[in-house]
Structures are given as C-alpha cells and as structure tokens.
Amino acid sequence: MSYKQVGAKNTMDKLVTDAFKLTYKHTYKAESIEEEAIQTPNGVAGLFYEVAGNAASAKQFFVTDSTRHFCAERCIFTLSRTPTPWRRSPGSSRKTCGTWYKH
C-alpha cells in the first residue's frame, strides 16, 4: 500500500494524476477499465478501478481525505497451481496478492 502525506511536494492534483496515469497505463492490455466512486460519511473519497483483460493489476484504488492523507493500492495477481499467500516484495512497499488456481 502506498501512503503519501499531502503537501507542497505531493499536491493533491499530482497524487490523483499519478494514480490515474498508473491505472490507465494498462489501457493497451485492458479490455475495459471501470471506475467506481468511493465516498464515506466522514469525508474520505476516492476511486476504485476494475481493470478487465490481460492486465497484472486488475483491482486498484485510491482514497484521500483531500487535505492531508492519500493512500493507493494495486493488487497484483499471479496464476499459480498452489496458493500464494499475501506477501511484500523485497524492497517494495507494494503488496502482492496471489490467486488461488482451482483445477
């Protein structure tokens, strides 16, 4: 999971633009990209993306309070004949989640 504090270096516009670009760079492999707005009663908002087709990160989202905090996540799926537990890649802040393949 990626967390950034909103500020002079990481403006809200830059963080949202970066999240959008990261999702839409899958356009060449994706069959479609569906967006769904996230809104909570306490002011947290964001977007959830579902990328269909041959894209590695089929589920992505970002949420923010729009003033101080920005959080983004991309779930990376790999096909395997054996269960792959949730794990952190060495030297990475991104989680990798496995897909359980059923015969």
Protein backbone atom coordinates (compact mmCIF):
# COMPACT_ATOMS: atom_id res chain seq x y z
CA MET A 1 0.00 0.00 0.00
CA SER A 2 1.29 3.42 -0.86
CA TYR A 3 0.73 6.30 1.58
CA LYS A 4 1.64 9.92 0.92
CA GLN A 5 1.10 12.95 3.07
CA VAL A 6 -0.41 15.77 1.02
CA GLY A 7 1.81 18.84 0.97
CA ALA A 8 3.98 21.11 -1.15
CA LYS A 9 5.92 18.19 -2.69
CA ASN A 10 2.89 15.92 -3.03
CA THR A 11 -0.01 18.12 -4.04
CA MET A 12 -3.46 16.56 -4.28
CA ASP A 13 -3.53 17.23 -8.05
CA LYS A 14 -0.19 15.45 -8.54
CA LEU A 15 -1.18 12.43 -6.44
CA VAL A 16 -4.54 11.97 -8.19
CA THR A 17 -2.93 12.46 -11.62
CA ASP A 18 -0.23 9.90 -10.80
CA ALA A 19 -2.84 7.36 -9.62
CA PHE A 20 -4.88 7.95 -12.78
CA LYS A 21 -1.82 7.58 -15.05
CA LEU A 22 -0.72 4.39 -13.29
CA THR A 23 -4.14 2.81 -13.79
CA TYR A 24 -4.56 3.94 -17.39
CA LYS A 25 -1.09 2.83 -18.49
CA HIS A 26 -2.75 -0.62 -18.63
CA THR A 27 -5.00 0.61 -21.45
CA TYR A 28 -3.04 -1.21 -24.14
CA LYS A 29 -3.69 -4.60 -22.45
CA ALA A 30 -7.03 -3.91 -20.79
CA GLU A 31 -10.33 -4.81 -22.39
CA SER A 32 -12.02 -2.22 -20.19
CA ILE A 33 -11.45 -0.10 -17.11
CA GLU A 34 -14.43 0.52 -14.85
CA GLU A 35 -14.34 3.34 -12.30
CA GLU A 36 -16.47 3.47 -9.17
CA ALA A 37 -16.51 6.44 -6.81
CA ILE A 38 -15.78 5.86 -3.12
CA GLN A 39 -17.38 8.22 -0.59
CA THR A 40 -17.73 7.74 3.16
CA PRO A 41 -19.82 9.75 5.64
CA ASN A 42 -16.64 11.02 7.35
CA GLY A 43 -15.25 12.70 4.22
CA VAL A 44 -12.97 10.05 2.75
CA ALA A 45 -13.29 9.88 -1.03
CA GLY A 46 -11.56 8.19 -3.91
CA LEU A 47 -11.90 5.87 -6.88
CA PHE A 48 -11.93 2.10 -7.27
CA TYR A 49 -10.76 0.76 -10.65
CA GLU A 50 -11.52 -2.67 -12.05
CA VAL A 51 -9.27 -3.44 -14.99
CA ALA A 52 -10.57 -6.26 -17.22
CA GLY A 53 -8.39 -8.19 -19.63
CA ASN A 54 -4.75 -9.16 -19.60
CA ALA A 55 -3.55 -6.62 -17.03
CA ALA A 56 -1.45 -7.54 -14.00
CA SER A 57 -3.21 -5.26 -11.53
CA ALA A 58 -6.92 -5.87 -12.03
CA LYS A 59 -8.05 -4.13 -8.84
CA GLN A 60 -6.77 -0.67 -7.94
CA PHE A 61 -7.98 2.17 -5.77
CA PHE A 62 -7.03 5.39 -4.07
CA VAL A 63 -8.64 7.18 -1.14
CA THR A 64 -7.98 10.55 0.43
CA ASP A 65 -9.36 12.99 2.96
CA SER A 66 -8.45 15.64 0.30
CA THR A 67 -6.36 17.72 2.71
CA ARG A 68 -3.67 15.63 4.45
CA HIS A 69 -3.70 11.94 3.54
CA PHE A 70 -3.56 9.96 0.28
CA CYS A 71 -3.49 6.17 0.06
CA ALA A 72 -3.31 3.97 -3.06
CA GLU A 73 -3.21 0.22 -3.63
CA ARG A 74 -2.80 -2.07 -6.61
CA CYS A 75 -3.43 -5.76 -6.22
CA ILE A 76 -1.07 -7.80 -8.40
CA PHE A 77 -2.41 -11.21 -9.39
CA THR A 78 -0.30 -14.13 -10.48
CA LEU A 79 -1.58 -17.52 -11.59
CA SER A 80 -0.26 -20.45 -9.65
CA ARG A 81 -1.24 -24.07 -9.11
CA THR A 82 -0.54 -23.68 -5.41
CA PRO A 83 -1.85 -21.00 -3.06
CA THR A 84 0.39 -17.95 -2.81
CA PRO A 85 -0.05 -16.09 0.49
CA TRP A 86 -0.12 -12.32 0.79
CA ARG A 87 3.43 -11.09 0.89
CA ARG A 88 5.53 -8.00 0.48
CA SER A 89 8.04 -7.98 -2.33
CA PRO A 90 11.60 -7.44 -1.03
CA GLY A 91 12.42 -3.73 -1.07
CA SER A 92 8.89 -2.81 -2.12
CA SER A 93 6.06 -1.10 -0.30
CA ARG A 94 3.58 -2.74 -2.68
CA LYS A 95 1.74 -5.85 -1.55
CA THR A 96 1.46 -8.77 -3.89
CA CYS A 97 -1.61 -10.93 -3.64
CA GLY A 98 -1.82 -14.37 -5.12
CA THR A 99 -4.64 -16.04 -6.98
CA TRP A 100 -5.72 -19.49 -5.96
CA TYR A 101 -5.93 -21.66 -9.03
CA LYS A 102 -8.54 -24.44 -8.89
CA HIS A 103 -8.16 -27.48 -11.15
